[in-house]
Amino acid sequence: MCPCGSNQRFSQCCWPYIAGKSQAKTAQSLMRSRYAAYTRGNIAYIEATQNGPAAQNFDAQSAKKWALSAKWLGLKVVHCKQGLVEDTVGYVEFIASYKLNGQMQQIHEISEFHKIADRWLYFSNVLL
């Protein structure tokens, strides 16, 4: 099953995006695939799917160490605003749960995505 919580097989859900076989059609599908990539430690995909402030402040080495150290427990999409096929901007509020060094942790965030040349990219976030 896909770690993004879609109740679909990984091979039919996020894997085609991560493998570069297709592009995420919505902001939410990109966000879900980025979560799945983190659970696999695939930081190359994370780097390739961001732009703007997110890309400027990204430390791939630290991200990989963190991603591989965490035990990923689940993703809950709370709310989406825009971010559909016809949009150019979208927002996805989510909660990602994980365990790190024996401690339960959560990331509660509203992510902003921009579609540039028909490709959704993670742009910035607001931590809640």
Protein backbone atom coordinates (compact mmCIF):
# COMPACT_ATOMS: atom_id res chain seq x y z
CA MET A 1 0.00 0.00 0.00
CA CYS A 2 1.13 3.54 -0.67
CA PRO A 3 2.51 5.34 2.40
CA CYS A 4 0.57 8.49 1.41
CA GLY A 5 -2.63 6.98 2.87
CA SER A 6 -4.57 6.79 -0.41
CA ASN A 7 -5.44 3.09 0.10
CA GLN A 8 -3.95 2.36 -3.33
CA ARG A 9 -0.95 0.29 -4.26
CA PHE A 10 2.30 2.27 -4.20
CA SER A 11 3.01 1.17 -7.79
CA GLN A 12 -0.27 2.73 -8.95
CA CYS A 13 -0.28 5.80 -6.69
CA CYS A 14 2.89 7.78 -5.91
CA TRP A 15 5.55 5.59 -7.51
CA PRO A 16 4.94 6.76 -11.12
CA TYR A 17 5.55 10.36 -10.00
CA ILE A 18 8.63 9.51 -7.94
CA ALA A 19 10.04 7.38 -10.77
CA GLY A 20 9.51 10.22 -13.26
CA LYS A 21 7.06 8.21 -15.38
CA SER A 22 4.31 10.84 -15.00
CA GLN A 23 3.65 14.23 -13.41
CA ALA A 24 1.35 14.91 -10.46
CA LYS A 25 -1.86 16.40 -11.84
CA THR A 26 -2.87 18.24 -8.65
CA ALA A 27 -1.16 19.95 -5.74
CA GLN A 28 -2.50 17.26 -3.40
CA SER A 29 -1.09 14.41 -5.50
CA LEU A 30 2.31 16.13 -5.51
CA MET A 31 2.17 16.64 -1.74
CA ARG A 32 1.27 12.97 -1.22
CA SER A 33 4.08 11.81 -3.50
CA ARG A 34 6.56 14.02 -1.65
CA TYR A 35 5.48 12.43 1.63
CA ALA A 36 5.92 8.97 0.08
CA ALA A 37 9.38 10.00 -1.18
CA TYR A 38 10.38 11.10 2.32
CA THR A 39 9.31 7.71 3.71
CA ARG A 40 11.68 6.09 1.23
CA GLY A 41 14.50 8.60 1.73
CA ASN A 42 14.24 9.66 -1.92
CA ILE A 43 15.59 13.17 -1.50
CA ALA A 44 16.39 13.55 -5.22
CA TYR A 45 12.63 13.59 -5.88
CA ILE A 46 12.08 16.09 -3.07
CA GLU A 47 14.70 18.40 -4.59
CA ALA A 48 13.28 18.02 -8.09
CA THR A 49 9.75 18.96 -7.02
CA GLN A 50 10.38 22.27 -5.30
CA ASN A 51 10.92 25.87 -6.27
CA GLY A 52 11.15 29.33 -4.71
CA PRO A 53 11.74 29.64 -0.96
CA ALA A 54 11.48 25.87 -0.43
CA ALA A 55 14.36 25.22 -2.83
CA GLN A 56 16.49 28.10 -1.53
CA ASN A 57 16.44 26.84 2.05
CA PHE A 58 16.76 23.11 1.33
CA ASP A 59 19.62 21.06 2.76
CA ALA A 60 19.56 17.68 0.98
CA GLN A 61 22.06 16.01 3.31
CA SER A 62 20.14 16.95 6.46
CA ALA A 63 16.82 16.02 4.84
CA LYS A 64 18.08 12.56 3.91
CA LYS A 65 19.47 11.91 7.39
CA TRP A 66 16.18 13.00 8.97
CA ALA A 67 14.00 11.06 6.52
CA LEU A 68 15.92 7.83 7.02
CA SER A 69 16.00 8.25 10.83
CA ALA A 70 12.24 8.70 11.14
CA LYS A 71 9.70 5.90 11.38
CA TRP A 72 6.88 7.23 9.22
CA LEU A 73 3.45 6.55 10.71
CA GLY A 74 0.96 8.23 8.41
CA LEU A 75 -0.34 11.19 6.50
CA LYS A 76 -3.66 12.95 6.96
CA VAL A 77 -4.80 15.55 4.45
CA VAL A 78 -6.87 18.08 6.40
CA HIS A 79 -7.93 20.51 3.69
CA CYS A 80 -7.15 21.53 0.11
CA LYS A 81 -7.78 24.89 -1.51
CA GLN A 82 -7.36 25.19 -5.26
CA GLY A 83 -4.51 23.11 -6.67
CA LEU A 84 -6.63 21.29 -9.23
CA VAL A 85 -5.69 20.52 -12.83
CA GLU A 86 -6.89 23.92 -14.11
CA ASP A 87 -5.30 25.96 -11.27
CA THR A 88 -1.83 27.50 -11.07
CA VAL A 89 -1.66 27.80 -7.27
CA GLY A 90 -2.82 25.39 -4.59
CA TYR A 91 -2.70 24.93 -0.83
CA VAL A 92 -2.75 21.64 1.05
CA GLU A 93 -3.06 21.41 4.83
CA PHE A 94 -1.77 18.13 6.18
CA ILE A 95 -0.50 16.34 9.27
CA ALA A 96 2.41 13.92 8.87
CA SER A 97 3.10 11.68 11.85
CA TYR A 98 6.38 9.97 12.57
CA LYS A 99 8.53 8.67 15.39
CA LEU A 100 12.08 9.95 15.86
CA ASN A 101 14.42 8.84 18.63
CA GLY A 102 11.51 7.16 20.39
CA GLN A 103 9.42 10.36 20.41
CA MET A 104 6.14 10.81 18.58
CA GLN A 105 6.31 13.83 16.25
CA GLN A 106 3.97 15.61 13.85
CA ILE A 107 4.34 18.12 11.08
CA HIS A 108 1.17 20.19 10.73
CA GLU A 109 1.58 22.44 7.74
CA ILE A 110 -0.16 24.34 5.00
CA SER A 111 1.94 23.87 1.89
CA GLU A 112 1.78 26.23 -1.05
CA PHE A 113 2.25 24.80 -4.53
CA HIS A 114 2.70 26.55 -7.87
CA LYS A 115 2.15 25.07 -11.30
CA ILE A 116 4.94 26.15 -13.63
CA ALA A 117 4.89 24.95 -17.25
CA ASP A 118 2.20 22.35 -16.42
CA ARG A 119 4.24 20.95 -13.52
CA TRP A 120 3.26 21.28 -9.87
CA LEU A 121 6.09 22.31 -7.52
CA TYR A 122 6.25 22.81 -3.76
CA PHE A 123 6.85 26.51 -3.12
CA SER A 124 6.62 27.31 0.60
CA ASN A 125 4.89 26.43 3.83
CA VAL A 126 3.29 27.70 6.99
CA LEU A 127 3.83 25.46 10.01
CA LEU A 128 0.79 25.25 12.28
